[in-house]
N, C-alpha and C. Protein backbone atom coordinates (compact mmCIF):
# COMPACT_ATOMS: atom_id res chain seq x y z
N MET A 1 0.68 -1.36 0.38
CA MET A 1 -0.04 -0.35 0.11
C MET A 1 0.81 1.37 0.05
N LYS A 2 0.44 2.30 -0.89
CA LYS A 2 1.62 3.83 -0.91
C LYS A 2 0.68 4.34 0.28
N ASN A 3 1.74 4.98 0.88
CA ASN A 3 1.36 5.90 2.03
C ASN A 3 1.08 7.41 1.32
N ILE A 4 -0.44 7.49 2.09
CA ILE A 4 -0.83 8.75 1.32
C ILE A 4 -1.35 9.60 2.31
N ILE A 5 -0.46 11.05 2.62
CA ILE A 5 -1.08 11.71 3.92
C ILE A 5 -1.71 12.86 3.22
N PHE A 6 -3.09 13.17 3.79
CA PHE A 6 -3.73 14.23 3.68
C PHE A 6 -3.25 15.20 4.59
N PRO A 7 -3.28 16.61 3.91
CA PRO A 7 -2.93 17.80 4.66
C PRO A 7 -4.03 18.35 5.45
N GLY A 8 -3.43 18.44 6.61
CA GLY A 8 -3.99 18.53 8.15
C GLY A 8 -2.97 19.26 9.27
N GLY A 9 -3.72 19.03 10.27
CA GLY A 9 -3.03 19.40 11.56
C GLY A 9 -3.65 19.45 12.69
N LYS A 10 -3.51 20.13 13.65
CA LYS A 10 -4.62 19.92 15.18
C LYS A 10 -4.89 21.31 15.23
N ILE A 11 -6.29 21.47 15.95
CA ILE A 11 -7.00 22.60 16.00
C ILE A 11 -6.29 23.51 17.49
N ASP A 12 -5.75 24.49 16.98
CA ASP A 12 -5.45 25.23 18.07
C ASP A 12 -6.52 25.92 18.80
N PRO A 13 -5.83 26.21 20.24
CA PRO A 13 -7.08 26.44 21.44
C PRO A 13 -7.74 27.70 20.93
N GLY A 14 -8.97 27.50 21.05
CA GLY A 14 -9.65 28.64 20.88
C GLY A 14 -10.59 29.16 19.53
N GLU A 15 -9.50 27.91 18.44
CA GLU A 15 -10.32 28.10 16.83
C GLU A 15 -11.73 26.95 16.79
N LEU A 16 -12.61 27.42 15.76
CA LEU A 16 -13.28 26.90 15.45
C LEU A 16 -13.25 25.94 14.27
N HIS A 17 -13.64 24.59 13.99
CA HIS A 17 -13.01 23.88 13.22
C HIS A 17 -12.94 24.54 11.86
N ILE A 18 -13.74 25.78 11.36
CA ILE A 18 -13.75 26.42 9.61
C ILE A 18 -12.56 26.93 9.78
N GLN A 19 -12.50 28.02 11.19
CA GLN A 19 -11.02 28.22 11.10
C GLN A 19 -9.72 27.67 11.17
N ALA A 20 -9.81 26.52 11.82
CA ALA A 20 -8.60 25.57 11.54
C ALA A 20 -8.42 24.78 10.09
N LEU A 21 -9.58 24.74 9.38
CA LEU A 21 -9.45 24.36 7.71
C LEU A 21 -8.81 25.13 7.33
N GLN A 22 -9.09 26.39 7.37
CA GLN A 22 -8.74 27.78 6.75
C GLN A 22 -7.06 27.80 6.81
N ARG A 23 -6.89 27.65 8.28
CA ARG A 23 -5.54 28.06 8.48
C ARG A 23 -4.44 26.90 8.09
N GLU A 24 -5.27 25.37 8.00
CA GLU A 24 -4.00 23.99 7.49
C GLU A 24 -3.92 24.33 5.93
N ILE A 25 -4.99 24.63 5.24
CA ILE A 25 -5.00 25.01 3.71
C ILE A 25 -4.27 26.08 3.61
N GLN A 26 -4.15 27.10 4.14
CA GLN A 26 -3.00 27.96 4.08
C GLN A 26 -1.50 27.37 4.14
N GLU A 27 -1.17 27.00 5.01
CA GLU A 27 -0.06 26.54 5.68
C GLU A 27 0.21 25.38 4.56
N GLU A 28 -0.61 24.45 4.37
CA GLU A 28 -0.18 22.96 3.34
C GLU A 28 0.01 23.57 2.32
N LEU A 29 -1.13 23.92 1.58
CA LEU A 29 -1.16 24.30 -0.07
C LEU A 29 -1.23 26.03 -0.41
N GLN A 30 -0.80 26.49 0.69
CA GLN A 30 -0.53 28.00 0.40
C GLN A 30 -1.81 28.80 -0.48
N MET A 31 -3.12 28.42 0.41
CA MET A 31 -3.87 28.84 -0.33
C MET A 31 -5.00 29.29 0.57
N THR A 32 -5.68 31.12 0.15
CA THR A 32 -6.23 31.81 1.22
C THR A 32 -7.66 31.52 0.82
N LEU A 33 -8.30 30.66 1.93
CA LEU A 33 -9.92 30.82 1.52
C LEU A 33 -10.64 31.38 2.18
N ALA A 34 -11.72 32.22 2.05
CA ALA A 34 -12.45 32.63 2.76
C ALA A 34 -13.60 31.71 3.61
N GLU A 35 -14.56 32.05 4.70
CA GLU A 35 -15.25 31.48 5.31
C GLU A 35 -16.61 31.00 3.68
N THR A 36 -16.73 31.80 3.46
CA THR A 36 -17.89 31.74 2.10
C THR A 36 -17.03 31.19 1.27
N ASP A 37 -16.09 30.80 1.58
CA ASP A 37 -15.29 29.57 -0.13
C ASP A 37 -15.50 28.15 0.64
N ILE A 38 -16.05 27.97 2.00
CA ILE A 38 -16.44 26.80 2.28
C ILE A 38 -17.39 26.63 2.71
N GLU A 39 -18.21 25.31 2.57
CA GLU A 39 -19.92 24.65 2.98
C GLU A 39 -19.66 23.99 4.14
N TYR A 40 -20.06 23.61 5.49
CA TYR A 40 -20.49 22.41 6.19
C TYR A 40 -21.50 21.56 5.37
N MET A 41 -20.81 20.16 5.96
CA MET A 41 -21.74 19.06 5.04
C MET A 41 -22.46 18.21 6.37
N THR A 42 -21.45 17.62 6.88
CA THR A 42 -22.09 17.27 8.13
C THR A 42 -20.80 16.37 9.08
N THR A 43 -21.11 15.92 9.95
CA THR A 43 -20.37 15.11 10.89
C THR A 43 -20.17 13.82 10.90
N ILE A 44 -19.25 12.76 11.22
CA ILE A 44 -19.28 11.58 11.03
C ILE A 44 -18.52 10.92 12.01
N ILE A 45 -19.00 9.95 12.77
CA ILE A 45 -17.60 9.38 13.77
C ILE A 45 -17.55 7.70 13.01
N GLY A 46 -16.02 7.61 13.32
CA GLY A 46 -15.84 6.79 12.30
C GLY A 46 -14.23 5.98 13.16
N ASP A 47 -13.69 4.74 12.45
CA ASP A 47 -12.48 4.48 13.08
C ASP A 47 -11.44 5.08 12.80
N ALA A 48 -10.41 5.27 13.81
CA ALA A 48 -9.45 5.82 13.55
C ALA A 48 -8.49 5.05 12.98
N TYR A 49 -7.36 6.01 12.57
CA TYR A 49 -5.97 4.95 11.49
C TYR A 49 -5.04 5.73 11.92
N PRO A 50 -3.50 4.92 12.74
CA PRO A 50 -3.56 3.57 12.91
C PRO A 50 -4.52 3.24 14.24
N GLN A 51 -4.70 3.99 14.95
CA GLN A 51 -4.62 3.64 16.28
C GLN A 51 -5.87 2.48 16.42
N PRO A 52 -5.36 1.29 17.19
CA PRO A 52 -6.92 0.59 17.62
C PRO A 52 -7.71 1.08 18.53
N ASN A 53 -8.82 0.42 18.32
CA ASN A 53 -9.91 0.65 19.45
C ASN A 53 -10.27 2.12 19.55
N THR A 54 -9.86 2.92 18.76
CA THR A 54 -10.21 4.45 18.78
C THR A 54 -10.90 4.95 17.66
N GLN A 55 -11.56 5.75 18.00
CA GLN A 55 -12.68 6.19 17.03
C GLN A 55 -12.63 8.07 16.71
N THR A 56 -12.74 8.52 15.59
CA THR A 56 -12.18 9.81 15.66
C THR A 56 -13.66 10.60 14.81
N GLU A 57 -13.93 11.99 15.36
CA GLU A 57 -14.94 12.76 14.72
C GLU A 57 -14.52 13.35 13.30
N LEU A 58 -15.18 13.35 12.28
CA LEU A 58 -14.90 14.30 10.92
C LEU A 58 -15.82 15.32 10.71
N ASN A 59 -15.52 16.66 10.80
CA ASN A 59 -16.48 17.56 10.52
C ASN A 59 -16.31 17.52 9.18
N LEU A 60 -17.35 17.64 8.38
CA LEU A 60 -16.79 17.46 6.72
C LEU A 60 -17.31 18.95 5.98
N PHE A 61 -16.32 19.33 5.50
CA PHE A 61 -16.92 20.54 4.79
C PHE A 61 -16.35 20.53 3.33
N ARG A 62 -16.94 20.81 2.39
CA ARG A 62 -16.75 21.09 0.87
C ARG A 62 -16.47 22.28 0.41
N LEU A 63 -15.45 22.64 -0.42
CA LEU A 63 -15.12 23.79 -1.35
C LEU A 63 -15.97 24.31 -2.42
N ILE A 64 -16.35 25.21 -2.27
CA ILE A 64 -17.61 25.81 -3.21
C ILE A 64 -16.99 26.88 -3.68
N ALA A 65 -15.83 27.19 -3.88
CA ALA A 65 -14.87 28.57 -4.60
C ALA A 65 -14.26 27.67 -5.95
N ASP A 66 -14.08 28.31 -6.91
CA ASP A 66 -13.58 27.76 -8.03
C ASP A 66 -11.62 28.03 -7.68
N VAL A 67 -11.28 26.93 -8.10
CA VAL A 67 -9.87 26.95 -7.62
C VAL A 67 -9.05 26.34 -8.82
N ASP A 68 -8.27 26.75 -9.12
CA ASP A 68 -7.14 26.58 -10.63
C ASP A 68 -6.37 25.51 -10.07
N TRP A 69 -6.43 24.16 -10.07
CA TRP A 69 -5.31 23.13 -8.92
C TRP A 69 -3.97 23.41 -9.61
N GLU A 70 -4.03 23.61 -10.98
CA GLU A 70 -2.62 23.52 -11.67
C GLU A 70 -1.84 24.67 -11.02
N LYS A 71 -2.44 25.42 -10.21
CA LYS A 71 -1.61 26.65 -10.00
C LYS A 71 -1.37 26.80 -8.44
N LEU A 72 -1.50 25.43 -7.85
CA LEU A 72 -1.50 25.77 -6.34
C LEU A 72 0.27 25.65 -6.21
N ASN A 73 0.47 26.19 -5.11
CA ASN A 73 2.17 26.20 -4.85
C ASN A 73 2.29 25.42 -3.13
N PRO A 74 2.15 24.10 -2.95
CA PRO A 74 1.90 23.85 -1.86
C PRO A 74 3.32 23.77 -1.09
N ALA A 75 3.11 23.66 0.42
CA ALA A 75 4.25 23.59 1.09
C ALA A 75 5.60 22.78 1.08
N GLN A 76 6.53 23.07 1.29
CA GLN A 76 7.86 22.16 0.51
C GLN A 76 7.84 20.70 0.67
N GLU A 77 7.45 20.44 2.09
CA GLU A 77 7.29 19.53 2.60
C GLU A 77 6.75 17.88 1.73
N ILE A 78 5.19 18.91 1.16
CA ILE A 78 4.48 18.27 -0.17
C ILE A 78 5.27 17.80 -1.26
N THR A 79 5.86 16.61 -1.61
CA THR A 79 6.44 16.46 -2.66
C THR A 79 5.52 15.95 -3.83
N ASP A 80 4.51 15.74 -3.61
CA ASP A 80 3.32 15.15 -4.77
C ASP A 80 2.00 15.75 -4.42
N MET A 81 1.03 15.75 -5.39
CA MET A 81 -0.43 15.81 -5.02
C MET A 81 -0.92 14.77 -6.13
N GLN A 82 -1.79 14.32 -5.76
CA GLN A 82 -2.86 13.38 -6.73
C GLN A 82 -4.19 13.38 -6.29
N TRP A 83 -5.57 13.32 -6.96
CA TRP A 83 -6.39 13.10 -7.01
C TRP A 83 -6.72 11.28 -6.17
N ILE A 84 -7.52 11.14 -5.40
CA ILE A 84 -7.24 9.50 -4.96
C ILE A 84 -9.04 9.14 -5.64
N ASP A 85 -8.92 7.82 -6.18
CA ASP A 85 -10.14 7.40 -6.68
C ASP A 85 -10.82 6.71 -5.35
N VAL A 86 -12.37 6.80 -5.48
CA VAL A 86 -12.92 6.46 -4.06
C VAL A 86 -13.01 5.29 -3.99
N SER A 87 -13.09 4.49 -5.46
CA SER A 87 -13.11 3.09 -5.24
C SER A 87 -12.01 2.47 -4.94
N ALA A 88 -10.53 3.19 -4.52
CA ALA A 88 -9.34 2.77 -3.87
C ALA A 88 -9.20 2.71 -2.49
N ARG A 89 -10.14 1.94 -1.84
CA ARG A 89 -10.36 1.78 -0.78
C ARG A 89 -9.24 1.43 0.41
N ASP A 90 -8.45 0.54 -0.55
CA ASP A 90 -7.08 0.07 0.41
C ASP A 90 -6.23 1.44 0.66
N GLN A 91 -6.52 2.70 -0.09
CA GLN A 91 -5.60 3.69 0.15
C GLN A 91 -6.40 4.84 0.77
N ILE A 92 -7.49 4.98 1.79
CA ILE A 92 -8.15 5.56 2.05
C ILE A 92 -8.72 5.07 3.64
N ALA A 93 -8.21 6.40 4.68
CA ALA A 93 -8.58 5.67 6.20
C ALA A 93 -10.20 5.43 6.51
N PRO A 94 -10.60 4.61 7.21
CA PRO A 94 -11.46 4.00 7.60
C PRO A 94 -12.96 5.16 7.86
N ALA A 95 -12.20 6.12 8.57
CA ALA A 95 -13.55 7.08 8.99
C ALA A 95 -14.09 7.94 7.71
N VAL A 96 -12.99 8.06 6.71
CA VAL A 96 -13.06 8.37 5.46
C VAL A 96 -14.15 7.92 4.18
N LEU A 97 -13.85 6.74 4.56
CA LEU A 97 -14.67 5.06 3.86
C LEU A 97 -16.00 5.52 4.16
N LYS A 98 -16.10 5.79 5.68
CA LYS A 98 -17.69 6.05 6.24
C LYS A 98 -18.34 6.94 5.27
N TRP A 99 -17.37 7.84 5.53
CA TRP A 99 -18.24 9.22 4.63
C TRP A 99 -18.57 8.88 3.53
N ILE A 100 -17.98 7.85 2.84
CA ILE A 100 -17.56 7.63 1.33
C ILE A 100 -19.36 7.19 1.20
N ASP A 101 -19.56 5.70 1.88
CA ASP A 101 -20.38 5.02 1.84
C ASP A 101 -21.58 5.80 2.45
N TYR A 102 -21.37 6.58 3.83
CA TYR A 102 -22.83 7.61 3.22
C TYR A 102 -23.43 8.52 2.76
N SER A 103 -22.40 9.22 2.27
CA SER A 103 -22.69 10.03 1.16
C SER A 103 -23.46 9.16 0.07
N ARG A 104 -23.13 8.10 0.00
CA ARG A 104 -23.67 7.24 -0.95
C ARG A 104 -24.75 6.64 -1.28
N GLY A 105 -25.00 6.86 0.21
CA GLY A 105 -26.60 6.36 0.88
C GLY A 105 -26.92 5.07 1.22
N SER A 106 -25.34 4.38 1.70
CA SER A 106 -25.58 3.24 1.84
C SER A 106 -26.34 3.01 3.42
N ASN A 107 -27.22 1.72 3.42
CA ASN A 107 -28.00 1.59 4.51
C ASN A 107 -27.36 1.31 5.59
N ASN A 108 -26.28 0.60 5.66
CA ASN A 108 -25.85 0.33 6.60
C ASN A 108 -25.15 1.56 7.36
N VAL A 109 -24.93 2.49 6.81
CA VAL A 109 -23.85 3.45 7.75
C VAL A 109 -24.91 4.28 7.90
N ALA A 110 -24.61 5.44 9.19
CA ALA A 110 -25.31 6.58 9.44
C ALA A 110 -24.65 7.68 9.88
N ALA A 111 -25.51 8.72 9.99
CA ALA A 111 -24.47 9.81 10.55
C ALA A 111 -24.40 9.78 12.12
N ALA A 112 -23.24 10.19 12.09
CA ALA A 112 -22.96 10.38 13.54
C ALA A 112 -24.36 11.76 14.35
N PRO A 113 -24.18 11.62 15.44
CA PRO A 113 -25.06 12.77 16.40
C PRO A 113 -23.98 14.40 16.10
N SER A 114 -24.58 15.28 16.27
CA SER A 114 -23.90 16.43 15.64
C SER A 114 -22.66 16.77 16.30
N GLY A 115 -22.54 16.03 17.67
CA GLY A 115 -21.87 16.60 18.52
C GLY A 115 -21.60 17.88 19.00
N ILE A 116 -20.86 18.64 19.77
CA ILE A 116 -20.22 19.78 20.37
C ILE A 116 -19.05 19.78 20.45
N ALA A 117 -18.88 21.14 20.61
CA ALA A 117 -17.20 21.53 20.62
C ALA A 117 -17.16 22.60 21.74
N LEU A 118 -16.11 22.51 22.79
CA LEU A 118 -16.40 23.56 23.84
C LEU A 118 -15.19 24.84 23.54
N ILE A 119 -15.27 26.11 23.20
CA ILE A 119 -14.73 27.23 22.88
C ILE A 119 -14.35 28.15 23.54
N PRO A 120 -13.74 28.49 24.40
CA PRO A 120 -13.08 29.49 25.37
C PRO A 120 -13.45 30.84 24.83
N TYR A 121 -13.92 31.84 25.65
CA TYR A 121 -14.20 32.81 24.65
C TYR A 121 -13.11 33.72 24.58
N ASN A 122 -12.97 34.50 23.17
CA ASN A 122 -12.36 35.75 23.52
C ASN A 122 -13.18 36.30 22.38
N GLU A 123 -12.64 37.97 22.27
CA GLU A 123 -13.69 38.70 22.04
C GLU A 123 -13.84 38.40 20.30
N ASP A 124 -13.19 37.82 19.62
CA ASP A 124 -13.57 37.76 18.54
C ASP A 124 -15.17 36.92 18.45
N LEU A 125 -15.29 36.16 19.19
CA LEU A 125 -16.68 35.65 19.76
C LEU A 125 -17.77 36.40 19.97
N TYR A 126 -17.67 37.51 20.40
CA TYR A 126 -18.84 38.38 21.21
C TYR A 126 -20.04 38.46 20.37
N GLU A 127 -19.80 38.31 19.29
CA GLU A 127 -21.17 38.56 18.35
C GLU A 127 -21.94 37.16 18.70
N ALA A 128 -21.39 35.96 18.63
CA ALA A 128 -21.93 34.70 19.35
C ALA A 128 -22.46 34.68 20.35
N VAL A 129 -21.85 35.38 21.31
CA VAL A 129 -22.35 35.46 22.77
C VAL A 129 -23.40 36.10 22.50
N GLU A 130 -23.71 37.22 21.76
CA GLU A 130 -24.91 38.35 21.65
C GLU A 130 -25.93 37.76 21.19
N GLY A 131 -25.65 36.68 20.36
CA GLY A 131 -26.72 35.85 19.42
C GLY A 131 -27.46 35.09 20.48
N ILE A 132 -27.18 34.32 21.23
CA ILE A 132 -27.61 33.32 22.15
C ILE A 132 -28.97 33.91 22.87
N THR A 133 -29.86 33.30 22.90
CA THR A 133 -31.43 33.96 23.23
C THR A 133 -32.11 33.24 24.50
N LEU A 134 -32.12 33.51 25.22
CA LEU A 134 -32.74 33.11 26.46
C LEU A 134 -34.10 33.19 26.71
N LYS A 135 -35.19 32.52 27.64
CA LYS A 135 -36.15 33.04 28.42
C LYS A 135 -36.31 33.77 29.22
N ALA A 136 -37.05 35.06 29.24
CA ALA A 136 -37.09 35.95 30.68
C ALA A 136 -36.79 35.43 31.81
N GLU A 137 -37.91 34.21 32.15
CA GLU A 137 -37.57 33.36 33.60
C GLU A 137 -36.04 32.80 33.32
N ASP A 138 -35.16 32.49 32.77
CA ASP A 138 -33.64 32.22 32.68
C ASP A 138 -33.07 33.12 33.74
N ASN A 139 -33.35 34.12 33.61
CA ASN A 139 -32.53 35.45 34.09
C ASN A 139 -33.15 35.66 35.89
N GLN A 140 -34.05 34.92 36.14
CA GLN A 140 -34.13 34.97 37.74
C GLN A 140 -33.21 34.02 38.00
N PHE A 141 -32.61 32.98 37.48
CA PHE A 141 -31.94 32.16 38.04
C PHE A 141 -30.41 31.96 37.45
N THR A 142 -30.02 32.64 36.37
CA THR A 142 -28.57 32.90 36.37
C THR A 142 -28.45 34.18 35.79
N LYS A 143 -27.40 34.84 35.54
CA LYS A 143 -26.48 35.85 34.55
C LYS A 143 -27.04 35.32 33.40
N THR A 144 -26.97 36.39 32.25
CA THR A 144 -26.82 36.45 30.88
C THR A 144 -25.27 36.06 30.73
N PRO A 145 -25.34 35.68 29.28
CA PRO A 145 -23.89 35.47 28.96
C PRO A 145 -23.26 36.49 28.69
N ILE A 146 -23.92 37.56 28.54
CA ILE A 146 -23.02 39.30 28.22
C ILE A 146 -22.96 39.47 29.89
N GLU A 147 -23.05 39.23 30.88
CA GLU A 147 -23.14 39.42 31.80
C GLU A 147 -22.00 38.67 31.95
N ASN A 148 -21.91 37.48 32.24
CA ASN A 148 -20.76 36.92 32.42
C ASN A 148 -19.71 37.42 31.74
N ILE A 149 -19.50 37.65 30.51
CA ILE A 149 -18.80 38.12 29.62
C ILE A 149 -17.92 39.62 30.38
N ARG A 150 -18.70 40.11 30.82
CA ARG A 150 -18.51 41.75 31.62
C ARG A 150 -17.54 41.13 33.10
N LEU A 151 -18.45 40.77 33.48
CA LEU A 151 -17.78 40.00 34.97
C LEU A 151 -16.16 39.16 34.53
N ALA A 152 -16.03 38.62 33.82
CA ALA A 152 -14.70 38.02 33.14
C ALA A 152 -13.63 38.70 33.02
N GLN A 153 -14.09 40.08 32.50
CA GLN A 153 -13.44 41.33 32.21
C GLN A 153 -12.58 41.90 32.97
N ILE A 154 -13.20 41.62 34.38
CA ILE A 154 -12.44 42.19 35.46
C ILE A 154 -12.35 41.26 36.71
N ASP A 155 -12.16 39.80 36.38
CA ASP A 155 -12.07 38.94 36.97
C ASP A 155 -11.40 37.61 36.36
N SER A 156 -10.24 37.82 36.43
CA SER A 156 -9.23 36.94 35.67
C SER A 156 -9.48 35.26 36.10
N GLU A 157 -10.43 34.97 37.19
CA GLU A 157 -10.65 33.57 37.61
C GLU A 157 -12.11 33.11 37.14
N ARG A 158 -12.38 34.02 36.20
CA ARG A 158 -13.75 33.51 35.28
C ARG A 158 -13.41 33.14 34.34
N HIS A 159 -13.62 32.32 33.52
CA HIS A 159 -13.40 31.70 32.29
C HIS A 159 -14.60 31.24 31.40
N PRO A 160 -15.43 32.16 30.76
CA PRO A 160 -16.26 32.08 29.65
C PRO A 160 -16.43 30.75 28.65
N THR A 161 -16.92 30.26 28.72
CA THR A 161 -16.66 29.00 27.66
C THR A 161 -18.06 28.64 26.90
N LEU A 162 -18.39 29.04 25.53
CA LEU A 162 -19.05 28.72 24.36
C LEU A 162 -19.62 27.36 24.15
N VAL A 163 -20.29 26.79 23.74
CA VAL A 163 -20.65 25.62 23.29
C VAL A 163 -21.40 25.47 21.46
N PHE A 164 -20.96 24.92 20.44
CA PHE A 164 -20.88 25.33 19.52
C PHE A 164 -21.19 23.52 18.82
N ASN A 165 -22.24 23.79 17.97
CA ASN A 165 -22.56 22.11 17.62
C ASN A 165 -22.09 22.07 16.47
N ALA A 166 -21.96 20.81 15.59
CA ALA A 166 -21.36 20.69 14.34
C ALA A 166 -21.55 21.62 13.55
N GLN A 167 -22.19 22.11 13.26
CA GLN A 167 -22.89 22.89 12.21
C GLN A 167 -22.18 24.60 12.50
N GLN A 168 -21.43 24.54 13.65
CA GLN A 168 -20.73 26.05 13.89
C GLN A 168 -21.89 26.97 14.43
N GLN A 169 -23.01 26.80 14.72
CA GLN A 169 -23.72 27.43 15.55
C GLN A 169 -23.52 27.30 17.47
N CYS A 170 -23.52 28.91 17.65
CA CYS A 170 -23.56 28.89 19.04
C CYS A 170 -24.84 28.11 19.74
N VAL A 171 -24.82 27.06 20.22
CA VAL A 171 -25.74 26.58 20.62
C VAL A 171 -26.24 27.06 22.63
N GLY A 172 -24.75 27.25 22.87
CA GLY A 172 -25.19 27.01 24.85
C GLY A 172 -23.64 28.08 25.53
N PHE A 173 -23.47 28.06 26.51
CA PHE A 173 -22.69 29.03 27.32
C PHE A 173 -22.73 28.71 28.93
N PHE A 174 -21.63 29.21 29.23
CA PHE A 174 -20.81 28.51 30.69
C PHE A 174 -20.03 29.17 31.19
N THR A 175 -19.91 29.33 32.66
CA THR A 175 -18.47 29.90 32.64
C THR A 175 -17.91 29.18 33.95
N LEU A 176 -16.83 29.05 33.94
CA LEU A 176 -15.52 27.79 35.04
C LEU A 176 -15.26 29.25 35.60
N HIS A 177 -15.24 28.87 37.06
CA HIS A 177 -15.13 30.11 37.99
C HIS A 177 -14.25 29.43 39.11
N GLU A 178 -12.60 29.76 39.03
CA GLU A 178 -11.79 29.20 40.02
C GLU A 178 -11.62 29.85 41.42
N GLY A 179 -10.63 29.74 42.18
CA GLY A 179 -10.46 30.51 43.42
C GLY A 179 -12.20 31.01 44.21
N ASP A 180 -12.22 32.18 44.14
CA ASP A 180 -13.12 32.66 45.04
C ASP A 180 -14.28 32.01 44.63
N GLY A 181 -14.53 31.91 43.43
CA GLY A 181 -15.93 31.17 42.97
C GLY A 181 -16.29 29.76 43.54
N VAL A 182 -14.90 29.00 44.07
CA VAL A 182 -15.03 27.84 44.56
C VAL A 182 -15.45 27.93 45.99
N ARG A 183 -14.58 29.06 46.38
CA ARG A 183 -14.75 29.47 48.14
C ARG A 183 -15.57 28.83 48.41
N PRO A 184 -16.91 29.37 48.29
CA PRO A 184 -18.29 29.37 49.38
C PRO A 184 -18.56 27.27 49.26
N TYR A 185 -18.32 27.12 48.31
CA TYR A 185 -18.60 25.45 48.29
C TYR A 185 -17.87 24.24 48.60
N SER A 186 -16.39 24.71 48.61
CA SER A 186 -15.18 23.67 48.98
C SER A 186 -14.40 24.18 49.65
N SER A 187 -13.70 23.54 50.31
CA SER A 187 -12.19 23.80 51.31
C SER A 187 -11.24 23.55 50.16
N ASN A 188 -11.39 22.82 49.31
CA ASN A 188 -10.37 22.33 48.70
C ASN A 188 -10.22 23.08 47.30
N VAL A 189 -9.57 24.51 47.31
CA VAL A 189 -10.08 25.70 46.53
C VAL A 189 -8.99 25.64 45.53
N ALA A 190 -7.97 25.19 46.04
CA ALA A 190 -6.78 24.85 44.54
C ALA A 190 -6.97 23.92 43.36
N GLU A 191 -7.70 22.56 44.01
CA GLU A 191 -7.93 21.95 43.41
C GLU A 191 -9.38 21.64 42.38
N SER A 192 -10.25 22.51 42.49
CA SER A 192 -11.37 22.89 42.55
C SER A 192 -11.91 23.55 41.15
N ILE A 193 -13.13 23.67 40.65
CA ILE A 193 -13.42 24.96 39.84
C ILE A 193 -14.91 24.58 39.70
N PHE A 194 -15.53 25.63 39.54
CA PHE A 194 -17.25 26.20 39.88
C PHE A 194 -17.65 26.20 38.57
N PHE A 195 -18.65 25.29 37.92
CA PHE A 195 -19.40 25.33 36.92
C PHE A 195 -20.62 26.10 37.14
N ARG A 196 -20.67 27.46 36.45
CA ARG A 196 -21.73 28.00 36.59
C ARG A 196 -22.52 28.67 35.34
N SER A 197 -23.56 29.20 35.59
CA SER A 197 -24.70 29.97 34.45
C SER A 197 -24.25 29.56 33.25
N PHE A 198 -24.90 27.68 33.30
CA PHE A 198 -25.07 27.19 32.04
C PHE A 198 -26.22 27.22 31.57
N SER A 199 -25.91 27.57 30.25
CA SER A 199 -27.54 28.23 29.17
C SER A 199 -27.32 27.77 28.23
N ILE A 200 -28.48 27.09 27.60
CA ILE A 200 -28.95 26.50 26.36
C ILE A 200 -29.55 27.56 25.39
N ASP A 201 -28.94 27.97 24.20
CA ASP A 201 -29.87 28.73 23.50
C ASP A 201 -31.56 27.82 23.59
N VAL A 202 -32.84 28.83 23.67
CA VAL A 202 -33.96 28.46 23.44
C VAL A 202 -34.16 27.67 22.25
N ARG A 203 -33.80 28.03 21.17
CA ARG A 203 -33.74 27.97 19.69
C ARG A 203 -33.48 26.16 19.35
N TYR A 204 -32.46 26.05 20.59
CA TYR A 204 -31.72 24.67 20.54
C TYR A 204 -31.96 23.55 21.69
N ARG A 205 -32.83 24.00 22.56
CA ARG A 205 -33.28 23.28 23.60
C ARG A 205 -33.91 21.93 23.02
N GLY A 206 -33.98 20.97 23.55
CA GLY A 206 -35.12 19.77 23.10
C GLY A 206 -34.14 19.03 22.45
N MET A 207 -33.06 19.22 21.95
CA MET A 207 -32.30 18.53 20.77
C MET A 207 -31.01 17.63 21.35
N GLY A 208 -31.19 17.56 23.05
CA GLY A 208 -29.85 16.83 23.42
C GLY A 208 -28.44 17.52 23.44
N TYR A 209 -28.29 18.62 23.57
CA TYR A 209 -27.20 19.41 23.47
C TYR A 209 -26.71 19.58 24.76
N ALA A 210 -27.73 19.28 26.01
CA ALA A 210 -27.04 19.37 27.57
C ALA A 210 -26.72 18.33 27.67
N LYS A 211 -27.42 17.26 27.53
CA LYS A 211 -26.78 15.84 27.87
C LYS A 211 -25.68 15.68 27.02
N MET A 212 -25.58 16.22 26.04
CA MET A 212 -24.01 15.77 25.22
C MET A 212 -23.13 16.69 25.85
N HIS A 213 -23.22 17.69 26.20
CA HIS A 213 -22.20 18.77 26.88
C HIS A 213 -21.65 17.84 28.49
N ASN A 214 -22.92 17.49 29.37
CA ASN A 214 -22.72 16.90 29.88
C ASN A 214 -21.81 15.72 30.28
N ARG A 215 -21.89 15.04 29.24
CA ARG A 215 -20.95 14.00 28.74
C ARG A 215 -19.53 14.20 28.56
N ARG A 216 -19.81 15.44 27.79
CA ARG A 216 -18.04 16.04 27.65
C ARG A 216 -17.68 16.71 28.71
N THR A 217 -18.24 16.89 29.83
CA THR A 217 -17.46 17.65 30.67
C THR A 217 -17.30 17.09 31.95
């Protein structure tokens, strides 16, 4: 079997999937893409390769921009580029094969649940926080996401975190509060953190995001 390596890398802290994809394409293929050049398709859970008994999450995007593939100038470590025939299954990773089968409508392959990503807040995500919609009665029990952001700006022990689904939609929010935030509830302040102000956008309630979040955390 010929070794074929797909351009890629790891998601940096605070990056969304689409941002990591844009960065890696730029680094590996010297191609600059706008978010509007890329379209999210779906998420698939499949077997990782070559790690045994391990699964990996594939967030699938497709390129919708016109690209002249003959004029690409890839990074120096990429010595050759070629298209791979989807029928050459021995050259394709198992999780990618699952996507190929799913896209063809194979009856024995199902799409994975959407899944979630937990992204630490940064100022580039302010609009996403503003877009979170809560019920009026929610504010009787917890501070709003914007109020939490403002508190975090003056308190370094507060760590606001956004919950994104696989479609890159911000569906929820919470704050991790260390130090004084833990003190009223635990004597082990140094090794504890307080989970507070957890909210799911009203438009995404009843879809299982809270359960998925609880499994992640």
